[in-house]
Amino acid sequence: MSAGEVAGLVAAVALAIGVVGFLLCLGSMLRTMAAMRRGIEDFRRSALPLLTEVHATVRQASMELVKVDSILDRTESIAGTVDSASRLSYRAFSAPVIKTMAFAAGTAKAFRALRKKR
């Protein structure tokens, strides 16, 4: 055997080893891909019902927020009415009450003065 034939044989063996290694890597990659597909399919199967449930919960929360918003609007309306009524009451009763209290204080002072004179 000549040196060229030996080099060719070594190259052929190295190429065969490389091809076998490549095929082993390819097989491992294919098994990994199959496992990933099964995992993704399991995840999809379990996640879909959860997403449906989350969607329903969000829809229900949205309806509850609409109700709360309506209650807040009514509360603001009631607060405004009470505020207006209290201002009106203050205006209606403050002057007579102040006058009555001033009259009572003056009368009490006059009675004390009369008592002191006796």
Protein backbone atom coordinates (compact mmCIF):
# COMPACT_ATOMS: atom_id res chain seq x y z
CA MET A 1 0.00 0.00 0.00
CA SER A 2 1.25 3.35 -0.90
CA ALA A 3 1.10 6.48 1.20
CA GLY A 4 -1.72 7.88 -0.93
CA GLU A 5 -3.78 4.75 -0.43
CA VAL A 6 -3.19 4.85 3.36
CA ALA A 7 -4.19 8.52 3.44
CA GLY A 8 -7.31 7.73 1.42
CA LEU A 9 -8.17 4.84 3.77
CA VAL A 10 -7.65 7.04 6.84
CA ALA A 11 -9.80 9.76 5.27
CA ALA A 12 -12.55 7.24 4.44
CA VAL A 13 -12.52 5.84 7.99
CA ALA A 14 -12.58 9.37 9.45
CA LEU A 15 -15.44 10.28 7.13
CA ALA A 16 -17.33 7.12 8.14
CA ILE A 17 -16.79 7.93 11.84
CA GLY A 18 -17.95 11.51 11.19
CA VAL A 19 -21.08 10.30 9.38
CA VAL A 20 -21.89 7.84 12.21
CA GLY A 21 -21.38 10.63 14.78
CA PHE A 22 -23.57 12.95 12.75
CA LEU A 23 -26.29 10.29 12.52
CA LEU A 24 -26.12 9.69 16.30
CA CYS A 25 -26.45 13.45 16.93
CA LEU A 26 -29.32 13.66 14.46
CA GLY A 27 -31.12 10.76 16.20
CA SER A 28 -30.65 12.41 19.60
CA MET A 29 -31.95 15.68 18.21
CA LEU A 30 -35.00 13.97 16.74
CA ARG A 31 -35.80 12.28 20.10
CA THR A 32 -35.41 15.62 21.87
CA MET A 33 -37.71 17.32 19.36
CA ALA A 34 -40.32 14.58 19.82
CA ALA A 35 -40.15 15.02 23.61
CA MET A 36 -40.50 18.78 23.20
CA ARG A 37 -43.55 18.30 20.97
CA ARG A 38 -45.17 16.05 23.58
CA GLY A 39 -44.40 18.59 26.31
CA ILE A 40 -45.81 21.46 24.28
CA GLU A 41 -48.93 19.45 23.48
CA ASP A 42 -49.41 18.61 27.20
CA PHE A 43 -48.92 22.26 28.09
CA ARG A 44 -51.42 23.36 25.45
CA ARG A 45 -53.93 20.77 26.66
CA SER A 46 -53.68 21.96 30.27
CA ALA A 47 -53.39 25.69 29.50
CA LEU A 48 -56.43 25.99 27.26
CA PRO A 49 -59.01 25.29 30.01
CA LEU A 50 -57.14 27.64 32.33
CA LEU A 51 -57.24 30.42 29.76
CA THR A 52 -60.95 29.85 29.25
CA GLU A 53 -61.47 30.09 33.02
CA VAL A 54 -59.36 33.27 33.22
CA HIS A 55 -61.39 34.78 30.39
CA ALA A 56 -64.65 34.02 32.22
CA THR A 57 -63.26 35.46 35.47
CA VAL A 58 -62.17 38.64 33.74
CA ARG A 59 -65.59 38.98 32.13
CA GLN A 60 -67.29 38.54 35.53
CA ALA A 61 -64.91 41.06 37.14
CA SER A 62 -65.72 43.52 34.38
CA MET A 63 -69.45 43.16 35.08
CA GLU A 64 -68.81 43.66 38.81
CA LEU A 65 -66.80 46.81 38.05
CA VAL A 66 -69.74 48.16 36.07
CA LYS A 67 -71.96 47.56 39.11
CA VAL A 68 -69.44 49.24 41.42
CA ASP A 69 -69.21 52.19 39.06
CA SER A 70 -73.00 52.52 39.14
CA ILE A 71 -72.98 52.39 42.95
CA LEU A 72 -70.26 55.05 43.06
CA ASP A 73 -72.28 57.29 40.75
CA ARG A 74 -75.32 56.93 43.01
CA THR A 75 -73.20 57.59 46.09
CA GLU A 76 -71.79 60.76 44.54
CA SER A 77 -75.32 61.87 43.71
CA ILE A 78 -76.50 61.21 47.27
CA ALA A 79 -73.44 62.99 48.71
CA GLY A 80 -74.21 66.00 46.53
CA THR A 81 -77.84 66.01 47.66
CA VAL A 82 -76.86 65.74 51.33
CA ASP A 83 -74.29 68.50 50.89
CA SER A 84 -76.89 70.76 49.27
CA ALA A 85 -79.41 69.96 52.00
CA SER A 86 -76.91 70.68 54.76
CA ARG A 87 -75.97 74.01 53.17
CA LEU A 88 -79.63 74.90 52.81
CA SER A 89 -80.31 73.91 56.43
CA TYR A 90 -77.34 75.95 57.60
CA ARG A 91 -78.55 79.00 55.71
CA ALA A 92 -82.14 78.56 56.89
CA PHE A 93 -81.43 77.93 60.56
CA SER A 94 -78.15 79.71 61.27
CA ALA A 95 -79.54 83.25 61.48
CA PRO A 96 -82.56 82.40 63.69
CA VAL A 97 -80.49 80.13 65.92
CA ILE A 98 -77.81 82.78 66.35
CA LYS A 99 -80.44 85.39 67.12
CA THR A 100 -82.17 83.08 69.61
CA MET A 101 -78.89 82.27 71.34
CA ALA A 102 -77.98 85.96 71.49
CA PHE A 103 -81.43 86.75 72.92
CA ALA A 104 -81.07 83.96 75.50
CA ALA A 105 -77.60 85.14 76.46
CA GLY A 106 -78.83 88.72 76.81
CA THR A 107 -81.83 87.64 78.85
CA ALA A 108 -79.65 85.54 81.13
CA LYS A 109 -77.30 88.50 81.61
CA ALA A 110 -80.25 90.75 82.40
CA PHE A 111 -81.61 88.28 84.98
CA ARG A 112 -78.21 88.06 86.63
CA ALA A 113 -77.99 91.82 86.75
CA LEU A 114 -81.47 91.99 88.31
CA ARG A 115 -80.55 89.36 90.88
CA LYS A 116 -77.44 91.24 91.87
CA LYS A 117 -79.51 94.40 92.45
CA ARG A 118 -81.82 92.70 94.90
